[in-house]
C-alpha atoms as a PDB file:
ATOM      1  CA  MET A   1      38.309-154.541  57.972  1.00  0.00           C
ATOM      2  CA  ARG A   2      39.512-158.126  57.515  1.00  0.00           C
ATOM      3  CA  LEU A   3      35.981-159.166  56.523  1.00  0.00           C
ATOM      4  CA  ALA A   4      35.717-156.311  54.048  1.00  0.00           C
ATOM      5  CA  ARG A   5      39.046-157.185  52.443  1.00  0.00           C
ATOM      6  CA  ALA A   6      38.043-160.877  52.261  1.00  0.00           C
ATOM      7  CA  ALA A   7      34.746-159.910  50.609  1.00  0.00           C
ATOM      8  CA  SER A   8      36.682-157.782  48.109  1.00  0.00           C
ATOM      9  CA  ARG A   9      38.869-160.741  47.183  1.00  0.00           C
ATOM     10  CA  GLN A  10      35.800-162.977  46.885  1.00  0.00           C
ATOM     11  CA  LEU A  11      34.202-160.491  44.472  1.00  0.00           C
ATOM     12  CA  ALA A  12      37.512-160.180  42.567  1.00  0.00           C
ATOM     13  CA  LEU A  13      37.759-156.494  43.476  1.00  0.00           C
ATOM     14  CA  GLY A  14      40.816-154.543  44.409  1.00  0.00           C
ATOM     15  CA  SER A  15      40.614-152.797  47.743  1.00  0.00           C
ATOM     16  CA  ALA A  16      42.176-149.697  49.207  1.00  0.00           C
ATOM     17  CA  SER A  17      45.533-150.302  50.864  1.00  0.00           C
ATOM     18  CA  GLN A  18      46.052-149.899  54.597  1.00  0.00           C
ATOM     19  CA  GLY A  19      47.766-146.558  53.932  1.00  0.00           C
ATOM     20  CA  VAL A  20      44.784-145.328  51.918  1.00  0.00           C
ATOM     21  CA  THR A  21      42.237-146.457  54.503  1.00  0.00           C
ATOM     22  CA  SER A  22      44.240-144.843  57.334  1.00  0.00           C
ATOM     23  CA  THR A  23      44.396-141.606  55.357  1.00  0.00           C
ATOM     24  CA  LEU A  24      40.644-141.663  54.690  1.00  0.00           C
ATOM     25  CA  THR A  25      39.914-142.223  58.384  1.00  0.00           C
ATOM     26  CA  PHE A  26      42.332-139.420  59.288  1.00  0.00           C
ATOM     27  CA  LEU A  27      40.770-136.949  56.813  1.00  0.00           C
ATOM     28  CA  ALA A  28      37.214-137.736  57.927  1.00  0.00           C
ATOM     29  CA  LYS A  29      38.204-137.311  61.582  1.00  0.00           C
ATOM     30  CA  LEU A  30      40.214-134.141  60.931  1.00  0.00           C
ATOM     31  CA  MET A  31      37.199-132.563  59.238  1.00  0.00           C
ATOM     32  CA  HIS A  32      34.615-133.869  61.736  1.00  0.00           C
ATOM     33  CA  ALA A  33      32.860-135.075  58.561  1.00  0.00           C
ATOM     34  CA  ARG A  34      29.099-135.441  58.836  1.00  0.00           C
ATOM     35  CA  ALA A  35      28.217-135.836  55.159  1.00  0.00           C
ATOM     36  CA  VAL A  36      30.448-137.909  52.869  1.00  0.00           C
ATOM     37  CA  VAL A  37      29.957-139.141  49.305  1.00  0.00           C
ATOM     38  CA  GLU A  38      31.892-142.166  48.134  1.00  0.00           C
ATOM     39  CA  ILE A  39      31.926-143.054  44.445  1.00  0.00           C
ATOM     40  CA  GLY A  40      32.651-146.771  44.236  1.00  0.00           C
ATOM     41  CA  THR A  41      31.382-148.802  47.200  1.00  0.00           C
ATOM     42  CA  GLY A  42      33.252-152.009  46.433  1.00  0.00           C
ATOM     43  CA  ALA A  43      32.848-154.386  49.366  1.00  0.00           C
ATOM     44  CA  GLY A  44      32.979-151.560  51.908  1.00  0.00           C
ATOM     45  CA  VAL A  45      36.703-151.294  52.685  1.00  0.00           C
ATOM     46  CA  SER A  46      37.024-147.536  52.153  1.00  0.00           C
ATOM     47  CA  GLY A  47      33.480-146.897  53.391  1.00  0.00           C
ATOM     48  CA  LEU A  48      34.330-148.574  56.672  1.00  0.00           C
ATOM     49  CA  ALA A  49      37.479-146.447  56.949  1.00  0.00           C
ATOM     50  CA  LEU A  50      35.452-143.286  56.323  1.00  0.00           C
ATOM     51  CA  ILE A  51      32.748-144.169  58.859  1.00  0.00           C
ATOM     52  CA  ARG A  52      35.407-144.835  61.488  1.00  0.00           C
ATOM     53  CA  GLY A  53      36.638-141.261  61.111  1.00  0.00           C
ATOM     54  CA  MET A  54      33.300-139.506  60.679  1.00  0.00           C
ATOM     55  CA  ALA A  55      31.320-137.754  63.386  1.00  0.00           C
ATOM     56  CA  PRO A  56      29.045-140.163  65.316  1.00  0.00           C
ATOM     57  CA  ASP A  57      25.982-138.713  63.579  1.00  0.00           C
ATOM     58  CA  GLY A  58      27.651-138.627  60.148  1.00  0.00           C
ATOM     59  CA  ILE A  59      26.069-140.194  57.079  1.00  0.00           C
ATOM     60  CA  LEU A  60      27.993-141.922  54.302  1.00  0.00           C
ATOM     61  CA  THR A  61      26.362-141.903  50.865  1.00  0.00           C
ATOM     62  CA  SER A  62      28.047-144.589  48.764  1.00  0.00           C
ATOM     63  CA  ILE A  63      27.295-145.150  45.086  1.00  0.00           C
ATOM     64  CA  ASP A  64      28.145-148.239  43.053  1.00  0.00           C
ATOM     65  CA  LEU A  65      26.854-149.594  39.768  1.00  0.00           C
ATOM     66  CA  GLU A  66      27.024-153.172  41.054  1.00  0.00           C
ATOM     67  CA  ASN A  67      24.271-154.159  43.477  1.00  0.00           C
ATOM     68  CA  GLU A  68      26.304-157.250  44.481  1.00  0.00           C
ATOM     69  CA  HIS A  69      29.051-154.985  45.808  1.00  0.00           C
ATOM     70  CA  GLN A  70      26.592-153.039  47.916  1.00  0.00           C
ATOM     71  CA  VAL A  71      25.049-156.199  49.344  1.00  0.00           C
ATOM     72  CA  ALA A  72      28.532-157.251  50.503  1.00  0.00           C
ATOM     73  CA  ALA A  73      29.228-153.772  51.933  1.00  0.00           C
ATOM     74  CA  ARG A  74      25.888-153.735  53.762  1.00  0.00           C
ATOM     75  CA  GLN A  75      26.771-157.083  55.376  1.00  0.00           C
ATOM     76  CA  ILE A  76      30.182-155.751  56.419  1.00  0.00           C
ATOM     77  CA  PHE A  77      28.666-152.593  57.927  1.00  0.00           C
ATOM     78  CA  ALA A  78      26.059-154.660  59.801  1.00  0.00           C
ATOM     79  CA  ALA A  79      28.753-157.032  61.137  1.00  0.00           C
ATOM     80  CA  GLU A  80      30.673-153.972  62.365  1.00  0.00           C
ATOM     81  CA  GLY A  81      27.528-152.771  64.192  1.00  0.00           C
ATOM     82  CA  ILE A  82      27.109-149.621  62.114  1.00  0.00           C
ATOM     83  CA  PRO A  83      23.488-148.411  62.294  1.00  0.00           C
ATOM     84  CA  THR A  84      21.699-148.501  58.930  1.00  0.00           C
ATOM     85  CA  ARG A  85      20.756-144.807  59.320  1.00  0.00           C
ATOM     86  CA  ARG A  86      24.479-143.910  58.983  1.00  0.00           C
ATOM     87  CA  VAL A  87      24.942-145.478  55.541  1.00  0.00           C
ATOM     88  CA  ARG A  88      22.998-144.662  52.408  1.00  0.00           C
ATOM     89  CA  LEU A  89      23.920-147.192  49.710  1.00  0.00           C
ATOM     90  CA  ILE A  90      22.718-146.264  46.228  1.00  0.00           C
ATOM     91  CA  ALA A  91      22.964-148.772  43.388  1.00  0.00           C
ATOM     92  CA  GLY A  92      23.309-147.052  40.048  1.00  0.00           C
ATOM     93  CA  SER A  93      25.545-145.073  37.763  1.00  0.00           C
ATOM     94  CA  ALA A  94      27.361-142.351  39.678  1.00  0.00           C
ATOM     95  CA  LEU A  95      26.814-139.928  36.800  1.00  0.00           C
ATOM     96  CA  THR A  96      23.053-140.475  37.142  1.00  0.00           C
ATOM     97  CA  VAL A  97      22.990-140.312  40.956  1.00  0.00           C
ATOM     98  CA  LEU A  98      25.421-137.438  41.663  1.00  0.00           C
ATOM     99  CA  PRO A  99      23.354-134.704  39.922  1.00  0.00           C
ATOM    100  CA  LYS A 100      20.469-135.571  42.280  1.00  0.00           C
ATOM    101  CA  LEU A 101      22.545-134.815  45.400  1.00  0.00           C
ATOM    102  CA  SER A 102      22.420-131.371  47.021  1.00  0.00           C
ATOM    103  CA  ASP A 103      24.854-128.603  46.102  1.00  0.00           C
ATOM    104  CA  GLY A 104      27.361-127.610  48.787  1.00  0.00           C
ATOM    105  CA  ALA A 105      26.049-130.193  51.257  1.00  0.00           C
ATOM    106  CA  TYR A 106      29.060-132.488  51.625  1.00  0.00           C
ATOM    107  CA  ASP A 107      32.238-132.349  53.681  1.00  0.00           C
ATOM    108  CA  LEU A 108      34.136-134.978  51.742  1.00  0.00           C
ATOM    109  CA  VAL A 109      33.830-136.608  48.307  1.00  0.00           C
ATOM    110  CA  VAL A 110      35.923-139.719  47.667  1.00  0.00           C
ATOM    111  CA  VAL A 111      36.348-140.811  44.046  1.00  0.00           C
ATOM    112  CA  ASP A 112      37.170-144.477  43.507  1.00  0.00           C
ATOM    113  CA  GLY A 113      34.806-145.326  40.662  1.00  0.00           C
ATOM    114  CA  ASP A 114      35.237-145.869  36.930  1.00  0.00           C
ATOM    115  CA  PRO A 115      38.520-144.165  35.933  1.00  0.00           C
ATOM    116  CA  LEU A 116      37.017-143.252  32.571  1.00  0.00           C
ATOM    117  CA  GLU A 117      34.520-141.000  34.382  1.00  0.00           C
ATOM    118  CA  PHE A 118      36.949-139.242  36.753  1.00  0.00           C
ATOM    119  CA  VAL A 119      36.698-135.872  34.962  1.00  0.00           C
ATOM    120  CA  GLU A 120      32.908-135.863  35.366  1.00  0.00           C
ATOM    121  CA  TYR A 121      33.247-136.943  39.015  1.00  0.00           C
ATOM    122  CA  VAL A 122      35.562-133.991  39.663  1.00  0.00           C
ATOM    123  CA  ALA A 123      33.004-131.583  38.170  1.00  0.00           C
ATOM    124  CA  GLN A 124      30.264-133.075  40.347  1.00  0.00           C
ATOM    125  CA  ALA A 125      32.455-132.951  43.452  1.00  0.00           C
ATOM    126  CA  GLN A 126      33.118-129.258  42.885  1.00  0.00           C
ATOM    127  CA  ARG A 127      29.367-128.660  43.023  1.00  0.00           C
ATOM    128  CA  LEU A 128      28.671-131.035  45.934  1.00  0.00           C
ATOM    129  CA  LEU A 129      31.384-129.849  48.328  1.00  0.00           C
ATOM    130  CA  ARG A 130      30.847-127.066  50.839  1.00  0.00           C
ATOM    131  CA  SER A 131      33.510-124.408  51.291  1.00  0.00           C
ATOM    132  CA  GLY A 132      36.350-126.139  53.152  1.00  0.00           C
ATOM    133  CA  GLY A 133      35.218-129.536  51.868  1.00  0.00           C
ATOM    134  CA  VAL A 134      37.732-132.033  50.556  1.00  0.00           C
ATOM    135  CA  LEU A 135      37.926-134.005  47.329  1.00  0.00           C
ATOM    136  CA  VAL A 136      39.947-137.245  47.328  1.00  0.00           C
ATOM    137  CA  LEU A 137      40.847-138.973  44.057  1.00  0.00           C
ATOM    138  CA  HIS A 138      42.068-142.520  44.581  1.00  0.00           C
ATOM    139  CA  HIS A 139      44.447-144.071  41.992  1.00  0.00           C
ATOM    140  CA  ALA A 140      45.996-140.689  41.227  1.00  0.00           C
ATOM    141  CA  LEU A 141      49.238-142.453  40.275  1.00  0.00           C
ATOM    142  CA  TRP A 142      47.384-145.195  38.352  1.00  0.00           C
ATOM    143  CA  LYS A 143      49.818-148.076  38.809  1.00  0.00           C
ATOM    144  CA  GLY A 144      52.754-145.729  38.282  1.00  0.00           C
ATOM    145  CA  LEU A 145      51.631-144.965  34.721  1.00  0.00           C
ATOM    146  CA  ILE A 146      50.597-141.313  35.192  1.00  0.00           C
ATOM    147  CA  ALA A 147      54.217-140.112  35.160  1.00  0.00           C
ATOM    148  CA  ASP A 148      55.002-142.098  31.988  1.00  0.00           C
ATOM    149  CA  GLU A 149      54.311-139.483  29.309  1.00  0.00           C
ATOM    150  CA  ALA A 150      54.535-142.164  26.625  1.00  0.00           C
ATOM    151  CA  ASN A 151      51.606-144.064  28.135  1.00  0.00           C
ATOM    152  CA  GLU A 152      48.398-143.134  26.352  1.00  0.00           C
ATOM    153  CA  ASP A 153      46.026-145.806  27.653  1.00  0.00           C
ATOM    154  CA  ASP A 154      42.477-144.490  28.077  1.00  0.00           C
ATOM    155  CA  GLU A 155      42.473-144.728  31.886  1.00  0.00           C
ATOM    156  CA  THR A 156      45.868-143.057  32.171  1.00  0.00           C
ATOM    157  CA  LEU A 157      44.847-140.186  29.897  1.00  0.00           C
ATOM    158  CA  ILE A 158      41.538-139.583  31.693  1.00  0.00           C
ATOM    159  CA  ILE A 159      43.112-139.674  35.153  1.00  0.00           C
ATOM    160  CA  ARG A 160      45.805-137.240  33.976  1.00  0.00           C
ATOM    161  CA  GLU A 161      43.040-135.017  32.627  1.00  0.00           C
ATOM    162  CA  SER A 162      41.147-135.151  35.932  1.00  0.00           C
ATOM    163  CA  LEU A 163      44.300-134.289  37.916  1.00  0.00           C
ATOM    164  CA  GLN A 164      44.923-131.374  35.566  1.00  0.00           C
ATOM    165  CA  ALA A 165      41.290-130.236  35.932  1.00  0.00           C
ATOM    166  CA  VAL A 166      41.609-130.100  39.732  1.00  0.00           C
ATOM    167  CA  GLN A 167      44.915-128.193  39.471  1.00  0.00           C
ATOM    168  CA  GLU A 168      43.317-125.635  37.132  1.00  0.00           C
ATOM    169  CA  MET A 169      40.207-125.014  39.255  1.00  0.00           C
ATOM    170  CA  ASP A 170      40.632-121.765  41.174  1.00  0.00           C
ATOM    171  CA  ASP A 171      38.555-122.986  44.095  1.00  0.00           C
ATOM    172  CA  PHE A 172      40.699-126.068  44.842  1.00  0.00           C
ATOM    173  CA  THR A 173      44.090-126.273  46.544  1.00  0.00           C
ATOM    174  CA  ALA A 174      45.503-129.743  45.913  1.00  0.00           C
ATOM    175  CA  THR A 175      48.361-132.005  46.870  1.00  0.00           C
ATOM    176  CA  LEU A 176      49.341-135.485  45.773  1.00  0.00           C
ATOM    177  CA  LEU A 177      49.934-138.026  48.526  1.00  0.00           C
ATOM    178  CA  PRO A 178      52.083-141.020  47.531  1.00  0.00           C
ATOM    179  CA  VAL A 179      49.917-143.420  49.529  1.00  0.00           C
ATOM    180  CA  GLY A 180      48.787-146.708  48.004  1.00  0.00           C
ATOM    181  CA  ASP A 181      48.114-146.059  44.323  1.00  0.00           C
ATOM    182  CA  GLY A 182      48.182-142.321  44.989  1.00  0.00           C
ATOM    183  CA  LEU A 183      45.661-139.935  46.513  1.00  0.00           C
ATOM    184  CA  LEU A 184      45.038-136.473  45.148  1.00  0.00           C
ATOM    185  CA  VAL A 185      43.587-134.463  48.021  1.00  0.00           C
ATOM    186  CA  ALA A 186      42.088-131.063  47.288  1.00  0.00           C
ATOM    187  CA  VAL A 187      40.373-128.609  49.622  1.00  0.00           C
ATOM    188  CA  LYS A 188      37.682-126.318  48.224  1.00  0.00           C
ATOM    189  CA  ALA A 189      37.977-122.587  48.969  1.00  0.00           C
END
């Protein structure tokens, strides 16, 4: 994890806090996750946390627009001794890749990509998750700005809209965890 965090700093990326990574590992382990989608690979910090909690035969599919991020993540996974068959790194736009993934085939979908696309990610996650699957939205508190009703920055508005969308979907039961920058966790009926 130290290597992944160092690679994140080197690429000038933020990385998931220790609380967020512990929660991701816990959720993956609790669910015995075998099929996980991660939107936003970064340098592999959250991916590493997910793999640590997943079933030994589980496969992580991680999508990132930046190939450089995935190269760093691949190096981190290799250094950790994670077999290449357990990680499927896909370079490209998540909104192009996600529609190509199978309906109802995933245990866990973790959203940590472009905040301006969160609403679309939520819609895709609803389709991708099996019954009992879990959606995790990272940055649900967005630097403490979500609760500030006067804040109308684009990212804040879109994240608010995505949180509202999850709350309004009949097939999700959600809770907000005040971990790191906030995690919205929702289980699909």
